[in-house]
PDB file of N, CA and C in Angstrom:
ATOM      1  N   MET A   1       1.028  -1.251   0.054  1.00  0.00           N
ATOM      2  CA  MET A   1      -0.072   0.010   0.156  1.00  0.00           C
ATOM      3  C   MET A   1       1.077   0.847  -0.063  1.00  0.00           C
ATOM      4  N   LYS A   2       1.686   1.459   0.736  1.00  0.00           N
ATOM      5  CA  LYS A   2       3.034   2.809   0.956  1.00  0.00           C
ATOM      6  C   LYS A   2       3.279   2.836  -0.309  1.00  0.00           C
ATOM      7  N   TYR A   3       3.418   1.811  -1.642  1.00  0.00           N
ATOM      8  CA  TYR A   3       4.168   1.490  -2.382  1.00  0.00           C
ATOM      9  C   TYR A   3       3.514   2.374  -3.408  1.00  0.00           C
ATOM     10  N   LEU A   4       2.131   2.135  -3.306  1.00  0.00           N
ATOM     11  CA  LEU A   4       0.860   3.102  -4.510  1.00  0.00           C
ATOM     12  C   LEU A   4       0.865   4.097  -3.547  1.00  0.00           C
ATOM     13  N   ASP A   5       0.910   4.523  -2.435  1.00  0.00           N
ATOM     14  CA  ASP A   5       0.990   5.909  -2.535  1.00  0.00           C
ATOM     15  C   ASP A   5       1.751   7.014  -2.712  1.00  0.00           C
ATOM     16  N   ARG A   6       3.126   6.323  -2.616  1.00  0.00           N
ATOM     17  CA  ARG A   6       4.653   6.656  -2.916  1.00  0.00           C
ATOM     18  C   ARG A   6       4.400   6.890  -4.823  1.00  0.00           C
ATOM     19  N   GLN A   7       3.629   6.195  -5.448  1.00  0.00           N
ATOM     20  CA  GLN A   7       3.406   6.032  -7.016  1.00  0.00           C
ATOM     21  C   GLN A   7       3.008   7.557  -6.957  1.00  0.00           C
ATOM     22  N   GLN A   8       1.473   7.321  -6.699  1.00  0.00           N
ATOM     23  CA  GLN A   8       0.580   8.585  -6.343  1.00  0.00           C
ATOM     24  C   GLN A   8       0.915   9.837  -6.428  1.00  0.00           C
ATOM     25  N   SER A   9       1.571   9.899  -5.309  1.00  0.00           N
ATOM     26  CA  SER A   9       2.243  11.046  -5.068  1.00  0.00           C
ATOM     27  C   SER A   9       3.447  11.770  -5.803  1.00  0.00           C
ATOM     28  N   LYS A  10       3.998  10.307  -6.330  1.00  0.00           N
ATOM     29  CA  LYS A  10       4.915  11.102  -7.584  1.00  0.00           C
ATOM     30  C   LYS A  10       4.406  11.500  -8.654  1.00  0.00           C
ATOM     31  N   ILE A  11       3.461  10.708  -9.566  1.00  0.00           N
ATOM     32  CA  ILE A  11       2.586  11.486 -10.577  1.00  0.00           C
ATOM     33  C   ILE A  11       2.140  12.766 -10.196  1.00  0.00           C
ATOM     34  N   ASP A  12       1.566  13.003  -8.736  1.00  0.00           N
ATOM     35  CA  ASP A  12       1.085  14.502  -8.881  1.00  0.00           C
ATOM     36  C   ASP A  12       2.463  15.214  -8.552  1.00  0.00           C
ATOM     37  N   ARG A  13       3.194  15.055  -7.993  1.00  0.00           N
ATOM     38  CA  ARG A  13       4.237  15.875  -8.261  1.00  0.00           C
ATOM     39  C   ARG A  13       4.550  16.011  -9.494  1.00  0.00           C
ATOM     40  N   ASP A  14       4.727  15.080 -10.617  1.00  0.00           N
ATOM     41  CA  ASP A  14       5.301  15.517 -11.916  1.00  0.00           C
ATOM     42  C   ASP A  14       4.181  16.349 -12.437  1.00  0.00           C
ATOM     43  N   ARG A  15       2.710  15.822 -12.361  1.00  0.00           N
ATOM     44  CA  ARG A  15       1.628  16.979 -12.832  1.00  0.00           C
ATOM     45  C   ARG A  15       1.893  18.405 -12.738  1.00  0.00           C
ATOM     46  N   TRP A  16       2.208  18.222 -10.940  1.00  0.00           N
ATOM     47  CA  TRP A  16       2.400  20.005 -10.507  1.00  0.00           C
ATOM     48  C   TRP A  16       3.509  20.497 -11.043  1.00  0.00           C
ATOM     49  N   GLU A  17       4.515  19.859 -11.725  1.00  0.00           N
ATOM     50  CA  GLU A  17       5.824  20.326 -11.977  1.00  0.00           C
ATOM     51  C   GLU A  17       5.369  20.840 -13.766  1.00  0.00           C
ATOM     52  N   THR A  18       4.763  20.159 -14.152  1.00  0.00           N
ATOM     53  CA  THR A  18       3.986  20.102 -15.734  1.00  0.00           C
ATOM     54  C   THR A  18       3.648  21.377 -16.070  1.00  0.00           C
ATOM     55  N   TYR A  19       2.648  21.701 -14.851  1.00  0.00           N
ATOM     56  CA  TYR A  19       1.380  22.328 -14.817  1.00  0.00           C
ATOM     57  C   TYR A  19       2.024  23.924 -14.981  1.00  0.00           C
ATOM     58  N   LYS A  20       3.127  23.988 -13.799  1.00  0.00           N
ATOM     59  CA  LYS A  20       3.802  24.954 -13.649  1.00  0.00           C
ATOM     60  C   LYS A  20       4.873  25.471 -14.573  1.00  0.00           C
ATOM     61  N   GLN A  21       5.182  24.512 -15.366  1.00  0.00           N
ATOM     62  CA  GLN A  21       6.266  24.960 -16.935  1.00  0.00           C
ATOM     63  C   GLN A  21       5.594  25.705 -17.746  1.00  0.00           C
ATOM     64  N   LEU A  22       4.113  24.758 -17.886  1.00  0.00           N
ATOM     65  CA  LEU A  22       3.172  25.264 -18.889  1.00  0.00           C
ATOM     66  C   LEU A  22       2.943  27.083 -18.899  1.00  0.00           C
ATOM     67  N   GLU A  23       2.266  27.072 -17.409  1.00  0.00           N
ATOM     68  CA  GLU A  23       1.705  27.974 -16.911  1.00  0.00           C
ATOM     69  C   GLU A  23       2.857  29.244 -16.312  1.00  0.00           C
ATOM     70  N   LEU A  24       4.004  29.100 -16.362  1.00  0.00           N
ATOM     71  CA  LEU A  24       5.284  29.699 -16.048  1.00  0.00           C
ATOM     72  C   LEU A  24       4.655  30.213 -14.840  1.00  0.00           C
ATOM     73  N   VAL A  25       4.357  29.437 -13.690  1.00  0.00           N
ATOM     74  CA  VAL A  25       4.595  29.563 -12.390  1.00  0.00           C
ATOM     75  C   VAL A  25       5.476  29.432 -11.552  1.00  0.00           C
ATOM     76  N   PRO A  26       5.786  30.717 -11.072  1.00  0.00           N
ATOM     77  CA  PRO A  26       7.427  30.851 -10.466  1.00  0.00           C
ATOM     78  C   PRO A  26       7.465  29.938  -8.897  1.00  0.00           C
ATOM     79  N   ASN A  27       8.600  29.540  -8.726  1.00  0.00           N
ATOM     80  CA  ASN A  27       8.718  28.745  -7.704  1.00  0.00           C
ATOM     81  C   ASN A  27       8.456  29.530  -6.430  1.00  0.00           C
ATOM     82  N   GLU A  28       8.479  30.786  -6.288  1.00  0.00           N
ATOM     83  CA  GLU A  28       8.635  31.805  -5.132  1.00  0.00           C
ATOM     84  C   GLU A  28       7.601  32.960  -5.624  1.00  0.00           C
ATOM     85  N   ILE A  29       6.545  33.154  -4.766  1.00  0.00           N
ATOM     86  CA  ILE A  29       6.057  34.340  -4.926  1.00  0.00           C
ATOM     87  C   ILE A  29       6.339  35.417  -3.936  1.00  0.00           C
ATOM     88  N   ALA A  30       6.528  36.392  -4.098  1.00  0.00           N
ATOM     89  CA  ALA A  30       6.911  38.194  -2.881  1.00  0.00           C
ATOM     90  C   ALA A  30       5.669  37.962  -2.038  1.00  0.00           C
ATOM     91  N   ARG A  31       6.039  38.212  -1.099  1.00  0.00           N
ATOM     92  CA  ARG A  31       5.323  38.760  -0.303  1.00  0.00           C
ATOM     93  C   ARG A  31       4.550  40.188  -0.313  1.00  0.00           C
ATOM     94  N   PRO A  32       3.380  40.625   0.119  1.00  0.00           N
ATOM     95  CA  PRO A  32       3.107  41.909   0.057  1.00  0.00           C
ATOM     96  C   PRO A  32       3.820  42.628   0.474  1.00  0.00           C
ATOM     97  N   ASP A  33       3.810  43.938   0.266  1.00  0.00           N
ATOM     98  CA  ASP A  33       4.577  44.926   1.334  1.00  0.00           C
ATOM     99  C   ASP A  33       3.495  45.236   2.247  1.00  0.00           C
ATOM    100  N   ARG A  34       3.798  45.107   3.131  1.00  0.00           N
ATOM    101  CA  ARG A  34       2.801  45.102   4.259  1.00  0.00           C
ATOM    102  C   ARG A  34       2.771  46.865   5.093  1.00  0.00           C
ATOM    103  N   LEU A  35       3.696  47.634   4.068  1.00  0.00           N
ATOM    104  CA  LEU A  35       3.627  49.179   4.870  1.00  0.00           C
ATOM    105  C   LEU A  35       2.727  49.594   3.633  1.00  0.00           C
ATOM    106  N   SER A  36       1.767  48.988   2.793  1.00  0.00           N
ATOM    107  CA  SER A  36       0.949  49.720   1.762  1.00  0.00           C
ATOM    108  C   SER A  36      -0.043  50.519   2.411  1.00  0.00           C
ATOM    109  N   PHE A  37      -0.613  50.205   3.414  1.00  0.00           N
ATOM    110  CA  PHE A  37      -1.414  50.284   4.488  1.00  0.00           C
ATOM    111  C   PHE A  37      -0.858  50.953   5.598  1.00  0.00           C
ATOM    112  N   LYS A  38      -0.863  52.366   5.922  1.00  0.00           N
ATOM    113  CA  LYS A  38      -0.289  52.774   7.220  1.00  0.00           C
ATOM    114  C   LYS A  38      -1.556  53.146   8.070  1.00  0.00           C
ATOM    115  N   PHE A  39      -0.752  53.072   9.075  1.00  0.00           N
ATOM    116  CA  PHE A  39      -1.718  54.060  10.500  1.00  0.00           C
ATOM    117  C   PHE A  39      -3.033  53.136  10.365  1.00  0.00           C
ATOM    118  N   GLY A  40      -2.431  51.855  10.289  1.00  0.00           N
ATOM    119  CA  GLY A  40      -3.411  51.065  10.714  1.00  0.00           C
ATOM    120  C   GLY A  40      -4.701  50.494   9.993  1.00  0.00           C
ATOM    121  N   ILE A  41      -4.899  51.167   8.949  1.00  0.00           N
ATOM    122  CA  ILE A  41      -6.219  50.986   7.842  1.00  0.00           C
ATOM    123  C   ILE A  41      -6.190  49.686   7.530  1.00  0.00           C
ATOM    124  N   ASP A  42      -5.410  49.055   7.771  1.00  0.00           N
ATOM    125  CA  ASP A  42      -5.189  47.328   7.314  1.00  0.00           C
ATOM    126  C   ASP A  42      -6.355  46.822   8.513  1.00  0.00           C
ATOM    127  N   ARG A  43      -5.857  47.189   9.548  1.00  0.00           N
ATOM    128  CA  ARG A  43      -6.752  46.674  11.172  1.00  0.00           C
ATOM    129  C   ARG A  43      -8.236  46.483  11.119  1.00  0.00           C
ATOM    130  N   VAL A  44      -8.543  48.440  10.651  1.00  0.00           N
ATOM    131  CA  VAL A  44      -9.636  48.816  10.795  1.00  0.00           C
ATOM    132  C   VAL A  44     -10.596  48.419   9.587  1.00  0.00           C
ATOM    133  N   TRP A  45      -9.879  48.222   8.343  1.00  0.00           N
ATOM    134  CA  TRP A  45     -10.612  47.527   6.873  1.00  0.00           C
ATOM    135  C   TRP A  45     -10.730  45.857   7.419  1.00  0.00           C
ATOM    136  N   ARG A  46      -9.774  45.372   8.294  1.00  0.00           N
ATOM    137  CA  ARG A  46     -10.401  43.965   8.205  1.00  0.00           C
ATOM    138  C   ARG A  46     -11.530  43.733   9.206  1.00  0.00           C
ATOM    139  N   THR A  47     -11.473  44.383  10.157  1.00  0.00           N
ATOM    140  CA  THR A  47     -12.727  44.584  11.041  1.00  0.00           C
ATOM    141  C   THR A  47     -13.831  44.994  10.504  1.00  0.00           C
ATOM    142  N   LEU A  48     -13.868  45.714   9.915  1.00  0.00           N
ATOM    143  CA  LEU A  48     -15.281  46.528   9.085  1.00  0.00           C
ATOM    144  C   LEU A  48     -15.632  45.191   8.316  1.00  0.00           C
ATOM    145  N   LEU A  49     -14.765  44.415   7.288  1.00  0.00           N
ATOM    146  CA  LEU A  49     -15.436  43.063   6.968  1.00  0.00           C
ATOM    147  C   LEU A  49     -15.489  42.033   7.711  1.00  0.00           C
ATOM    148  N   GLY A  50     -15.055  41.922   8.818  1.00  0.00           N
ATOM    149  CA  GLY A  50     -15.695  40.765   9.576  1.00  0.00           C
ATOM    150  C   GLY A  50     -16.751  41.630  10.007  1.00  0.00           C
ATOM    151  N   LEU A  51     -17.300  42.876  10.569  1.00  0.00           N
ATOM    152  CA  LEU A  51     -18.646  42.861  11.374  1.00  0.00           C
ATOM    153  C   LEU A  51     -19.852  43.153  10.167  1.00  0.00           C
ATOM    154  N   LEU A  52     -19.086  43.151   8.641  1.00  0.00           N
ATOM    155  CA  LEU A  52     -20.308  43.415   8.054  1.00  0.00           C
ATOM    156  C   LEU A  52     -20.879  41.921   7.508  1.00  0.00           C
ATOM    157  N   MET A  53     -19.564  41.282   7.259  1.00  0.00           N
ATOM    158  CA  MET A  53     -20.074  39.433   7.377  1.00  0.00           C
ATOM    159  C   MET A  53     -20.913  38.958   8.011  1.00  0.00           C
ATOM    160  N   ASP A  54     -20.341  39.297   9.665  1.00  0.00           N
ATOM    161  CA  ASP A  54     -21.325  38.777  10.711  1.00  0.00           C
ATOM    162  C   ASP A  54     -22.588  39.242  10.598  1.00  0.00           C
ATOM    163  N   GLU A  55     -23.287  40.221  10.032  1.00  0.00           N
ATOM    164  CA  GLU A  55     -24.318  41.190   9.917  1.00  0.00           C
ATOM    165  C   GLU A  55     -25.257  40.717   8.737  1.00  0.00           C
ATOM    166  N   LEU A  56     -24.050  40.378   7.650  1.00  0.00           N
ATOM    167  CA  LEU A  56     -24.754  39.541   6.642  1.00  0.00           C
ATOM    168  C   LEU A  56     -25.543  38.372   6.998  1.00  0.00           C
ATOM    169  N   VAL A  57     -24.862  37.196   7.771  1.00  0.00           N
ATOM    170  CA  VAL A  57     -25.074  35.876   8.012  1.00  0.00           C
ATOM    171  C   VAL A  57     -26.527  35.875   9.009  1.00  0.00           C
ATOM    172  N   THR A  58     -26.498  37.000  10.055  1.00  0.00           N
ATOM    173  CA  THR A  58     -27.675  37.163  10.930  1.00  0.00           C
ATOM    174  C   THR A  58     -28.630  37.363   9.734  1.00  0.00           C
ATOM    175  N   GLU A  59     -28.747  38.360   9.027  1.00  0.00           N
ATOM    176  CA  GLU A  59     -29.805  38.914   7.985  1.00  0.00           C
ATOM    177  C   GLU A  59     -30.151  37.358   7.538  1.00  0.00           C
ATOM    178  N   GLU A  60     -29.345  36.654   6.897  1.00  0.00           N
ATOM    179  CA  GLU A  60     -29.864  35.850   6.071  1.00  0.00           C
ATOM    180  C   GLU A  60     -30.540  34.640   7.508  1.00  0.00           C
ATOM    181  N   LYS A  61     -30.127  34.189   8.480  1.00  0.00           N
ATOM    182  CA  LYS A  61     -30.546  33.713   9.227  1.00  0.00           C
ATOM    183  C   LYS A  61     -31.949  33.832   9.695  1.00  0.00           C
ATOM    184  N   VAL A  62     -32.238  35.494   9.857  1.00  0.00           N
ATOM    185  CA  VAL A  62     -33.504  36.118  10.462  1.00  0.00           C
ATOM    186  C   VAL A  62     -34.755  35.691   9.047  1.00  0.00           C
ATOM    187  N   ASP A  63     -34.024  36.058   7.701  1.00  0.00           N
ATOM    188  CA  ASP A  63     -34.669  36.076   6.629  1.00  0.00           C
ATOM    189  C   ASP A  63     -35.482  34.475   6.568  1.00  0.00           C
ATOM    190  N   TYR A  64     -34.409  33.535   6.764  1.00  0.00           N
ATOM    191  CA  TYR A  64     -34.774  32.312   6.627  1.00  0.00           C
ATOM    192  C   TYR A  64     -35.861  32.009   7.435  1.00  0.00           C
ATOM    193  N   LEU A  65     -35.547  32.179   9.039  1.00  0.00           N
ATOM    194  CA  LEU A  65     -36.795  32.136   9.952  1.00  0.00           C
ATOM    195  C   LEU A  65     -38.181  32.558   9.783  1.00  0.00           C
ATOM    196  N   ASP A  66     -37.956  33.927   9.064  1.00  0.00           N
ATOM    197  CA  ASP A  66     -39.319  34.791   8.726  1.00  0.00           C
ATOM    198  C   ASP A  66     -39.589  33.774   7.181  1.00  0.00           C
ATOM    199  N   ARG A  67     -39.086  33.274   6.664  1.00  0.00           N
ATOM    200  CA  ARG A  67     -39.732  32.825   5.794  1.00  0.00           C
ATOM    201  C   ARG A  67     -40.401  31.151   5.662  1.00  0.00           C
ATOM    202  N   CYS A  68     -39.823  30.661   7.064  1.00  0.00           N
ATOM    203  CA  CYS A  68     -40.355  29.484   7.710  1.00  0.00           C
ATOM    204  C   CYS A  68     -41.641  29.525   8.156  1.00  0.00           C
ATOM    205  N   TRP A  69     -41.851  30.705   9.303  1.00  0.00           N
ATOM    206  CA  TRP A  69     -42.410  30.990   9.972  1.00  0.00           C
ATOM    207  C   TRP A  69     -43.881  31.086   9.178  1.00  0.00           C
ATOM    208  N   ASN A  70     -43.729  31.678   8.210  1.00  0.00           N
ATOM    209  CA  ASN A  70     -44.826  32.395   7.655  1.00  0.00           C
ATOM    210  C   ASN A  70     -44.886  31.388   6.240  1.00  0.00           C
ATOM    211  N   ALA A  71     -44.451  29.814   6.128  1.00  0.00           N
ATOM    212  CA  ALA A  71     -44.974  29.119   5.027  1.00  0.00           C
ATOM    213  C   ALA A  71     -46.508  28.691   5.067  1.00  0.00           C
ATOM    214  N   ASN A  72     -46.670  28.227   6.417  1.00  0.00           N
ATOM    215  CA  ASN A  72     -48.125  27.977   6.657  1.00  0.00           C
ATOM    216  C   ASN A  72     -49.271  29.174   7.219  1.00  0.00           C
ATOM    217  N   ASP A  73     -49.434  30.489   7.048  1.00  0.00           N
ATOM    218  CA  ASP A  73     -50.435  31.222   7.749  1.00  0.00           C
ATOM    219  C   ASP A  73     -51.413  30.709   8.143  1.00  0.00           C
ATOM    220  N   LYS A  74     -52.324  30.060   7.444  1.00  0.00           N
ATOM    221  CA  LYS A  74     -53.593  29.136   6.992  1.00  0.00           C
ATOM    222  C   LYS A  74     -54.012  28.789   8.610  1.00  0.00           C
ATOM    223  N   ASP A  75     -52.753  27.769   8.822  1.00  0.00           N
ATOM    224  CA  ASP A  75     -53.106  27.204  10.180  1.00  0.00           C
ATOM    225  C   ASP A  75     -52.420  27.782  11.259  1.00  0.00           C
ATOM    226  N   ARG A  76     -53.341  28.427  12.382  1.00  0.00           N
ATOM    227  CA  ARG A  76     -52.860  29.010  13.434  1.00  0.00           C
ATOM    228  C   ARG A  76     -53.063  28.606  14.600  1.00  0.00           C
ATOM    229  N   SER A  77     -53.078  27.204  14.929  1.00  0.00           N
ATOM    230  CA  SER A  77     -53.332  26.728  15.523  1.00  0.00           C
ATOM    231  C   SER A  77     -52.346  26.530  16.676  1.00  0.00           C
ATOM    232  N   PRO A  78     -52.520  26.873  18.183  1.00  0.00           N
ATOM    233  CA  PRO A  78     -51.370  27.188  19.068  1.00  0.00           C
ATOM    234  C   PRO A  78     -50.773  25.826  19.275  1.00  0.00           C
ATOM    235  N   SER A  79     -51.201  24.687  19.293  1.00  0.00           N
ATOM    236  CA  SER A  79     -50.351  23.160  19.127  1.00  0.00           C
ATOM    237  C   SER A  79     -49.389  23.485  17.865  1.00  0.00           C
ATOM    238  N   LYS A  80     -50.059  23.787  16.277  1.00  0.00           N
ATOM    239  CA  LYS A  80     -49.091  23.662  15.325  1.00  0.00           C
ATOM    240  C   LYS A  80     -48.242  24.734  15.335  1.00  0.00           C
ATOM    241  N   THR A  81     -48.196  26.195  15.803  1.00  0.00           N
ATOM    242  CA  THR A  81     -47.372  26.873  16.357  1.00  0.00           C
ATOM    243  C   THR A  81     -46.345  26.366  17.163  1.00  0.00           C
ATOM    244  N   LEU A  82     -46.660  26.202  18.232  1.00  0.00           N
ATOM    245  CA  LEU A  82     -45.393  25.779  18.806  1.00  0.00           C
ATOM    246  C   LEU A  82     -44.649  24.940  18.442  1.00  0.00           C
ATOM    247  N   LYS A  83     -45.145  23.876  17.830  1.00  0.00           N
ATOM    248  CA  LYS A  83     -44.313  22.472  17.183  1.00  0.00           C
ATOM    249  C   LYS A  83     -43.448  23.270  15.962  1.00  0.00           C
ATOM    250  N   ARG A  84     -44.017  24.524  15.408  1.00  0.00           N
ATOM    251  CA  ARG A  84     -43.075  24.445  14.182  1.00  0.00           C
ATOM    252  C   ARG A  84     -42.399  25.979  14.963  1.00  0.00           C
ATOM    253  N   PHE A  85     -42.483  26.518  16.217  1.00  0.00           N
ATOM    254  CA  PHE A  85     -41.572  27.378  16.844  1.00  0.00           C
ATOM    255  C   PHE A  85     -40.089  26.194  17.276  1.00  0.00           C
ATOM    256  N   LEU A  86     -40.573  25.043  17.677  1.00  0.00           N
ATOM    257  CA  LEU A  86     -39.404  24.363  18.369  1.00  0.00           C
ATOM    258  C   LEU A  86     -38.940  23.412  16.935  1.00  0.00           C
ATOM    259  N   THR A  87     -39.171  23.528  15.862  1.00  0.00           N
ATOM    260  CA  THR A  87     -38.793  22.919  14.972  1.00  0.00           C
ATOM    261  C   THR A  87     -37.862  23.969  14.242  1.00  0.00           C
ATOM    262  N   LEU A  88     -38.004  25.490  14.471  1.00  0.00           N
ATOM    263  CA  LEU A  88     -36.912  26.189  13.855  1.00  0.00           C
ATOM    264  C   LEU A  88     -35.905  26.690  14.473  1.00  0.00           C
ATOM    265  N   ILE A  89     -36.367  26.470  16.355  1.00  0.00           N
ATOM    266  CA  ILE A  89     -34.713  26.550  16.686  1.00  0.00           C
ATOM    267  C   ILE A  89     -33.687  25.607  17.072  1.00  0.00           C
ATOM    268  N   ARG A  90     -34.496  24.255  16.690  1.00  0.00           N
ATOM    269  CA  ARG A  90     -33.652  23.461  16.061  1.00  0.00           C
ATOM    270  C   ARG A  90     -32.213  23.360  15.543  1.00  0.00           C
TER     271      ARG A  90
END
């Protein structure tokens, strides 16, 4: 089994080397200049993006729950409403 794993990894390495040569992919990629964002703008930008993503996820959850809750407005009996609520919060 180890022999087959070694053969497969060698084949994968050969394919990657061929791809790199054909697409002219360099062996090393230069790191981006960390000084491009000065005065903490980089940190502020990342924080803002994180907050916006969290808000978007929350809005999607609320929209989904609203759609599920309003799916069957015809049946408003207390037992059905409680059952639907318990299903939604799981």
